[in-house]
């Protein structure tokens, strides 16, 4: 009965709302707006916790056992779930039928995460894709795309005209690979 809403448009809107209730858990965690929890951290949390209720009941010391979760993030998560206003919002979402469990897609199965636990840094121009596309691919395959080189970096992918990241990788003894080797690692080239 809304102006400019015919039956077909109303059905599409209704279906979109229903579909939004069944998003993967990492998207829900990110959407809650927990301080210091971005998309990458939300994915890390769903590797350990398969439901929002499990995460809500997690203790700070349990969160610290997750790789790359430090005291600041662990404290922020536990404080978030102690705030009455946040609990109220979560209960409204629960009552509206939002899924609080891990909706694993075929993309998220362990067999399709060959880069799990590996950190990549990109330097220079790549020929087959943009740096942003390469970083997104690394994260989709379970790896981490960092913006700077450290001793914890597993691979620095070197494109044309690399910058100071390449030099830093050499100084730190971090393994450097070319774009072809990277494409083979991610299964885009034989």
C-alpha atoms as a PDB file:
ATOM      1  CA  UNK A   1       0.000   0.000   0.000  1.00  0.00           C
ATOM      2  CA  UNK A   2       3.032   2.297  -0.236  1.00  0.00           C
ATOM      3  CA  UNK A   3       3.043   4.913  -3.003  1.00  0.00           C
ATOM      4  CA  UNK A   4       4.783   3.667  -6.179  1.00  0.00           C
ATOM      5  CA  UNK A   5       4.921   0.088  -4.836  1.00  0.00           C
ATOM      6  CA  UNK A   6       3.123  -2.340  -7.114  1.00  0.00           C
ATOM      7  CA  UNK A   7       2.822  -6.052  -6.230  1.00  0.00           C
ATOM      8  CA  UNK A   8       6.043  -7.028  -8.067  1.00  0.00           C
ATOM      9  CA  UNK A   9       8.168  -4.308  -6.432  1.00  0.00           C
ATOM     10  CA  UNK A  10       6.771  -5.154  -2.983  1.00  0.00           C
ATOM     11  CA  UNK A  11       7.610  -8.851  -3.528  1.00  0.00           C
ATOM     12  CA  UNK A  12      11.188  -7.993  -4.549  1.00  0.00           C
ATOM     13  CA  UNK A  13      11.654  -5.824  -1.457  1.00  0.00           C
ATOM     14  CA  UNK A  14      10.193  -8.506   0.812  1.00  0.00           C
ATOM     15  CA  UNK A  15      12.440 -11.202  -0.715  1.00  0.00           C
ATOM     16  CA  UNK A  16      15.517  -8.987  -0.324  1.00  0.00           C
ATOM     17  CA  UNK A  17      14.713  -8.432   3.361  1.00  0.00           C
ATOM     18  CA  UNK A  18      14.267 -12.171   3.916  1.00  0.00           C
ATOM     19  CA  UNK A  19      17.559 -12.958   2.139  1.00  0.00           C
ATOM     20  CA  UNK A  20      19.395 -10.391   4.269  1.00  0.00           C
ATOM     21  CA  UNK A  21      18.517 -12.422   7.374  1.00  0.00           C
ATOM     22  CA  UNK A  22      20.629 -15.349   6.164  1.00  0.00           C
ATOM     23  CA  UNK A  23      24.029 -13.759   5.650  1.00  0.00           C
ATOM     24  CA  UNK A  24      27.269 -15.405   6.821  1.00  0.00           C
ATOM     25  CA  UNK A  25      28.111 -14.861  10.490  1.00  0.00           C
ATOM     26  CA  UNK A  26      31.229 -12.816   9.705  1.00  0.00           C
ATOM     27  CA  UNK A  27      29.062 -10.236   7.894  1.00  0.00           C
ATOM     28  CA  UNK A  28      26.771  -9.953  10.933  1.00  0.00           C
ATOM     29  CA  UNK A  29      29.707  -9.540  13.325  1.00  0.00           C
ATOM     30  CA  UNK A  30      31.182  -6.802  11.132  1.00  0.00           C
ATOM     31  CA  UNK A  31      27.796  -5.088  10.804  1.00  0.00           C
ATOM     32  CA  UNK A  32      27.387  -4.891  14.598  1.00  0.00           C
ATOM     33  CA  UNK A  33      30.051  -2.172  14.595  1.00  0.00           C
ATOM     34  CA  UNK A  34      32.246  -3.561  17.363  1.00  0.00           C
ATOM     35  CA  UNK A  35      35.163  -1.186  17.853  1.00  0.00           C
ATOM     36  CA  UNK A  36      38.410  -2.478  16.268  1.00  0.00           C
ATOM     37  CA  UNK A  37      36.580  -5.341  14.506  1.00  0.00           C
ATOM     38  CA  UNK A  38      36.752  -4.980  10.742  1.00  0.00           C
ATOM     39  CA  UNK A  39      35.898  -7.463   8.026  1.00  0.00           C
ATOM     40  CA  UNK A  40      39.148  -9.403   8.407  1.00  0.00           C
ATOM     41  CA  UNK A  41      38.852  -9.715  12.196  1.00  0.00           C
ATOM     42  CA  UNK A  42      35.208 -10.764  11.838  1.00  0.00           C
ATOM     43  CA  UNK A  43      36.335 -13.621   9.567  1.00  0.00           C
ATOM     44  CA  UNK A  44      39.003 -14.628  12.109  1.00  0.00           C
ATOM     45  CA  UNK A  45      36.353 -14.774  14.827  1.00  0.00           C
ATOM     46  CA  UNK A  46      34.119 -17.058  12.750  1.00  0.00           C
ATOM     47  CA  UNK A  47      36.991 -19.522  12.362  1.00  0.00           C
ATOM     48  CA  UNK A  48      36.752 -20.071  16.141  1.00  0.00           C
ATOM     49  CA  UNK A  49      33.072 -19.369  16.899  1.00  0.00           C
ATOM     50  CA  UNK A  50      30.283 -20.826  14.793  1.00  0.00           C
ATOM     51  CA  UNK A  51      27.418 -18.814  16.336  1.00  0.00           C
ATOM     52  CA  UNK A  52      26.991 -15.299  17.643  1.00  0.00           C
ATOM     53  CA  UNK A  53      25.947 -16.714  21.021  1.00  0.00           C
ATOM     54  CA  UNK A  54      29.317 -18.495  21.340  1.00  0.00           C
ATOM     55  CA  UNK A  55      31.124 -15.239  20.612  1.00  0.00           C
ATOM     56  CA  UNK A  56      28.931 -13.308  23.048  1.00  0.00           C
ATOM     57  CA  UNK A  57      29.921 -15.744  25.824  1.00  0.00           C
ATOM     58  CA  UNK A  58      33.623 -15.767  24.973  1.00  0.00           C
ATOM     59  CA  UNK A  59      36.035 -14.651  27.668  1.00  0.00           C
ATOM     60  CA  UNK A  60      38.824 -12.196  26.962  1.00  0.00           C
ATOM     61  CA  UNK A  61      41.503 -14.867  27.535  1.00  0.00           C
ATOM     62  CA  UNK A  62      39.793 -17.164  24.978  1.00  0.00           C
ATOM     63  CA  UNK A  63      39.757 -14.400  22.380  1.00  0.00           C
ATOM     64  CA  UNK A  64      43.464 -13.768  22.942  1.00  0.00           C
ATOM     65  CA  UNK A  65      44.192 -17.336  21.802  1.00  0.00           C
ATOM     66  CA  UNK A  66      43.050 -16.440  18.272  1.00  0.00           C
ATOM     67  CA  UNK A  67      45.904 -15.421  15.991  1.00  0.00           C
ATOM     68  CA  UNK A  68      46.083 -11.671  15.415  1.00  0.00           C
ATOM     69  CA  UNK A  69      43.611 -10.855  18.190  1.00  0.00           C
ATOM     70  CA  UNK A  70      45.380  -8.704  20.742  1.00  0.00           C
ATOM     71  CA  UNK A  71      44.332  -7.308  24.123  1.00  0.00           C
ATOM     72  CA  UNK A  72      42.727  -4.175  22.646  1.00  0.00           C
ATOM     73  CA  UNK A  73      40.440  -6.121  20.298  1.00  0.00           C
ATOM     74  CA  UNK A  74      39.630  -8.828  22.869  1.00  0.00           C
ATOM     75  CA  UNK A  75      38.678  -6.185  25.448  1.00  0.00           C
ATOM     76  CA  UNK A  76      36.584  -4.297  22.901  1.00  0.00           C
ATOM     77  CA  UNK A  77      34.615  -7.444  21.984  1.00  0.00           C
ATOM     78  CA  UNK A  78      33.888  -8.464  25.570  1.00  0.00           C
ATOM     79  CA  UNK A  79      32.878  -4.914  26.533  1.00  0.00           C
ATOM     80  CA  UNK A  80      30.582  -4.682  23.496  1.00  0.00           C
ATOM     81  CA  UNK A  81      28.612  -7.742  24.587  1.00  0.00           C
ATOM     82  CA  UNK A  82      28.252  -6.422  28.168  1.00  0.00           C
ATOM     83  CA  UNK A  83      26.490  -3.231  27.085  1.00  0.00           C
ATOM     84  CA  UNK A  84      22.697  -3.458  27.672  1.00  0.00           C
ATOM     85  CA  UNK A  85      21.960  -1.377  24.549  1.00  0.00           C
ATOM     86  CA  UNK A  86      23.949  -3.781  22.348  1.00  0.00           C
ATOM     87  CA  UNK A  87      22.220  -6.829  23.863  1.00  0.00           C
ATOM     88  CA  UNK A  88      18.878  -5.136  23.179  1.00  0.00           C
ATOM     89  CA  UNK A  89      19.792  -4.622  19.499  1.00  0.00           C
ATOM     90  CA  UNK A  90      20.960  -8.238  19.201  1.00  0.00           C
ATOM     91  CA  UNK A  91      17.690  -9.494  20.697  1.00  0.00           C
ATOM     92  CA  UNK A  92      15.724  -7.378  18.201  1.00  0.00           C
ATOM     93  CA  UNK A  93      17.738  -8.974  15.397  1.00  0.00           C
ATOM     94  CA  UNK A  94      17.096 -12.434  16.853  1.00  0.00           C
ATOM     95  CA  UNK A  95      13.338 -11.727  17.098  1.00  0.00           C
ATOM     96  CA  UNK A  96      13.340 -10.489  13.490  1.00  0.00           C
ATOM     97  CA  UNK A  97      14.717 -13.857  12.382  1.00  0.00           C
ATOM     98  CA  UNK A  98      18.322 -12.913  11.591  1.00  0.00           C
ATOM     99  CA  UNK A  99      20.546 -15.997  11.421  1.00  0.00           C
ATOM    100  CA  UNK A 100      23.126 -16.105  14.228  1.00  0.00           C
ATOM    101  CA  UNK A 101      24.820 -19.259  12.980  1.00  0.00           C
ATOM    102  CA  UNK A 102      27.608 -19.734  10.515  1.00  0.00           C
ATOM    103  CA  UNK A 103      26.161 -20.008   7.020  1.00  0.00           C
ATOM    104  CA  UNK A 104      29.076 -21.713   5.313  1.00  0.00           C
ATOM    105  CA  UNK A 105      29.099 -21.529   1.552  1.00  0.00           C
ATOM    106  CA  UNK A 106      31.083 -23.808  -0.740  1.00  0.00           C
ATOM    107  CA  UNK A 107      33.666 -21.003  -1.012  1.00  0.00           C
ATOM    108  CA  UNK A 108      34.314 -21.159   2.701  1.00  0.00           C
ATOM    109  CA  UNK A 109      35.117 -24.837   3.042  1.00  0.00           C
ATOM    110  CA  UNK A 110      38.579 -25.703   4.265  1.00  0.00           C
ATOM    111  CA  UNK A 111      39.487 -27.463   1.025  1.00  0.00           C
ATOM    112  CA  UNK A 112      39.130 -24.173  -0.818  1.00  0.00           C
ATOM    113  CA  UNK A 113      41.353 -22.141   1.524  1.00  0.00           C
ATOM    114  CA  UNK A 114      44.840 -23.006   0.284  1.00  0.00           C
ATOM    115  CA  UNK A 115      46.321 -19.752   1.628  1.00  0.00           C
ATOM    116  CA  UNK A 116      45.027 -20.166   5.191  1.00  0.00           C
ATOM    117  CA  UNK A 117      47.516 -18.783   7.705  1.00  0.00           C
ATOM    118  CA  UNK A 118      49.695 -17.070   5.082  1.00  0.00           C
ATOM    119  CA  UNK A 119      50.306 -13.325   4.884  1.00  0.00           C
ATOM    120  CA  UNK A 120      50.950 -11.587   1.552  1.00  0.00           C
ATOM    121  CA  UNK A 121      52.149  -8.092   0.688  1.00  0.00           C
ATOM    122  CA  UNK A 122      51.981  -6.733  -2.867  1.00  0.00           C
ATOM    123  CA  UNK A 123      54.418  -4.240  -4.361  1.00  0.00           C
ATOM    124  CA  UNK A 124      54.651  -2.854  -7.890  1.00  0.00           C
ATOM    125  CA  UNK A 125      52.106  -3.116 -10.691  1.00  0.00           C
ATOM    126  CA  UNK A 126      50.596  -6.516 -11.476  1.00  0.00           C
ATOM    127  CA  UNK A 127      49.755  -7.401 -15.086  1.00  0.00           C
ATOM    128  CA  UNK A 128      46.723  -9.660 -14.657  1.00  0.00           C
ATOM    129  CA  UNK A 129      44.810  -7.850 -11.914  1.00  0.00           C
ATOM    130  CA  UNK A 130      44.853  -4.765  -9.715  1.00  0.00           C
ATOM    131  CA  UNK A 131      46.508  -4.902  -6.330  1.00  0.00           C
ATOM    132  CA  UNK A 132      43.076  -4.623  -4.678  1.00  0.00           C
ATOM    133  CA  UNK A 133      41.788  -7.617  -6.669  1.00  0.00           C
ATOM    134  CA  UNK A 134      44.861  -9.647  -5.680  1.00  0.00           C
ATOM    135  CA  UNK A 135      44.374  -8.750  -2.003  1.00  0.00           C
ATOM    136  CA  UNK A 136      40.686  -9.727  -2.170  1.00  0.00           C
ATOM    137  CA  UNK A 137      41.656 -13.046  -3.783  1.00  0.00           C
ATOM    138  CA  UNK A 138      44.169 -13.774  -1.009  1.00  0.00           C
ATOM    139  CA  UNK A 139      41.518 -13.133   1.647  1.00  0.00           C
ATOM    140  CA  UNK A 140      38.904 -15.215  -0.194  1.00  0.00           C
ATOM    141  CA  UNK A 141      41.370 -18.130  -0.184  1.00  0.00           C
ATOM    142  CA  UNK A 142      41.959 -17.857   3.562  1.00  0.00           C
ATOM    143  CA  UNK A 143      45.107 -15.734   3.590  1.00  0.00           C
ATOM    144  CA  UNK A 144      45.800 -12.247   4.865  1.00  0.00           C
ATOM    145  CA  UNK A 145      46.739  -9.287   2.687  1.00  0.00           C
ATOM    146  CA  UNK A 146      48.875  -6.813   4.629  1.00  0.00           C
ATOM    147  CA  UNK A 147      49.902  -3.335   3.570  1.00  0.00           C
ATOM    148  CA  UNK A 148      53.414  -3.397   5.005  1.00  0.00           C
ATOM    149  CA  UNK A 149      56.242  -5.922   5.209  1.00  0.00           C
ATOM    150  CA  UNK A 150      57.252  -7.405   8.560  1.00  0.00           C
ATOM    151  CA  UNK A 151      58.994 -10.553   9.772  1.00  0.00           C
ATOM    152  CA  UNK A 152      55.544 -12.150   9.994  1.00  0.00           C
ATOM    153  CA  UNK A 153      54.986 -11.675   6.238  1.00  0.00           C
ATOM    154  CA  UNK A 154      55.146 -14.995   4.376  1.00  0.00           C
ATOM    155  CA  UNK A 155      55.343 -13.698   0.784  1.00  0.00           C
ATOM    156  CA  UNK A 156      55.953 -10.391  -0.956  1.00  0.00           C
ATOM    157  CA  UNK A 157      54.509 -10.516  -4.479  1.00  0.00           C
ATOM    158  CA  UNK A 158      56.683  -8.341  -6.697  1.00  0.00           C
ATOM    159  CA  UNK A 159      55.188  -6.687  -9.767  1.00  0.00           C
ATOM    160  CA  UNK A 160      56.653  -4.162 -12.218  1.00  0.00           C
ATOM    161  CA  UNK A 161      58.583  -1.274 -10.687  1.00  0.00           C
ATOM    162  CA  UNK A 162      58.425  -2.453  -7.067  1.00  0.00           C
ATOM    163  CA  UNK A 163      58.851   0.089  -4.311  1.00  0.00           C
ATOM    164  CA  UNK A 164      60.403   0.139  -0.868  1.00  0.00           C
ATOM    165  CA  UNK A 165      58.397  -2.927   0.234  1.00  0.00           C
ATOM    166  CA  UNK A 166      60.600  -5.066  -2.016  1.00  0.00           C
ATOM    167  CA  UNK A 167      63.762  -3.648  -0.438  1.00  0.00           C
ATOM    168  CA  UNK A 168      62.378  -4.185   3.043  1.00  0.00           C
ATOM    169  CA  UNK A 169      61.521  -7.805   2.184  1.00  0.00           C
ATOM    170  CA  UNK A 170      65.112  -8.385   1.098  1.00  0.00           C
ATOM    171  CA  UNK A 171      66.425  -6.791   4.311  1.00  0.00           C
ATOM    172  CA  UNK A 172      64.160  -8.958   6.496  1.00  0.00           C
ATOM    173  CA  UNK A 173      64.733 -12.139   4.491  1.00  0.00           C
ATOM    174  CA  UNK A 174      61.046 -12.445   3.560  1.00  0.00           C
ATOM    175  CA  UNK A 175      60.390 -14.694   0.535  1.00  0.00           C
ATOM    176  CA  UNK A 176      59.662 -12.728  -2.634  1.00  0.00           C
ATOM    177  CA  UNK A 177      57.768 -14.205  -5.562  1.00  0.00           C
ATOM    178  CA  UNK A 178      56.726 -12.960  -8.976  1.00  0.00           C
ATOM    179  CA  UNK A 179      53.202 -12.634 -10.278  1.00  0.00           C
ATOM    180  CA  UNK A 180      53.409 -15.969 -12.165  1.00  0.00           C
ATOM    181  CA  UNK A 181      54.287 -17.882  -8.993  1.00  0.00           C
ATOM    182  CA  UNK A 182      51.469 -16.127  -7.124  1.00  0.00           C
ATOM    183  CA  UNK A 183      48.985 -17.069  -9.861  1.00  0.00           C
ATOM    184  CA  UNK A 184      50.085 -20.712  -9.585  1.00  0.00           C
ATOM    185  CA  UNK A 185      49.617 -20.610  -5.787  1.00  0.00           C
ATOM    186  CA  UNK A 186      46.042 -19.378  -6.156  1.00  0.00           C
ATOM    187  CA  UNK A 187      45.234 -21.829  -8.941  1.00  0.00           C
ATOM    188  CA  UNK A 188      44.889 -19.322 -11.780  1.00  0.00           C
ATOM    189  CA  UNK A 189      47.868 -20.647 -13.716  1.00  0.00           C
ATOM    190  CA  UNK A 190      49.480 -24.057 -14.227  1.00  0.00           C
END
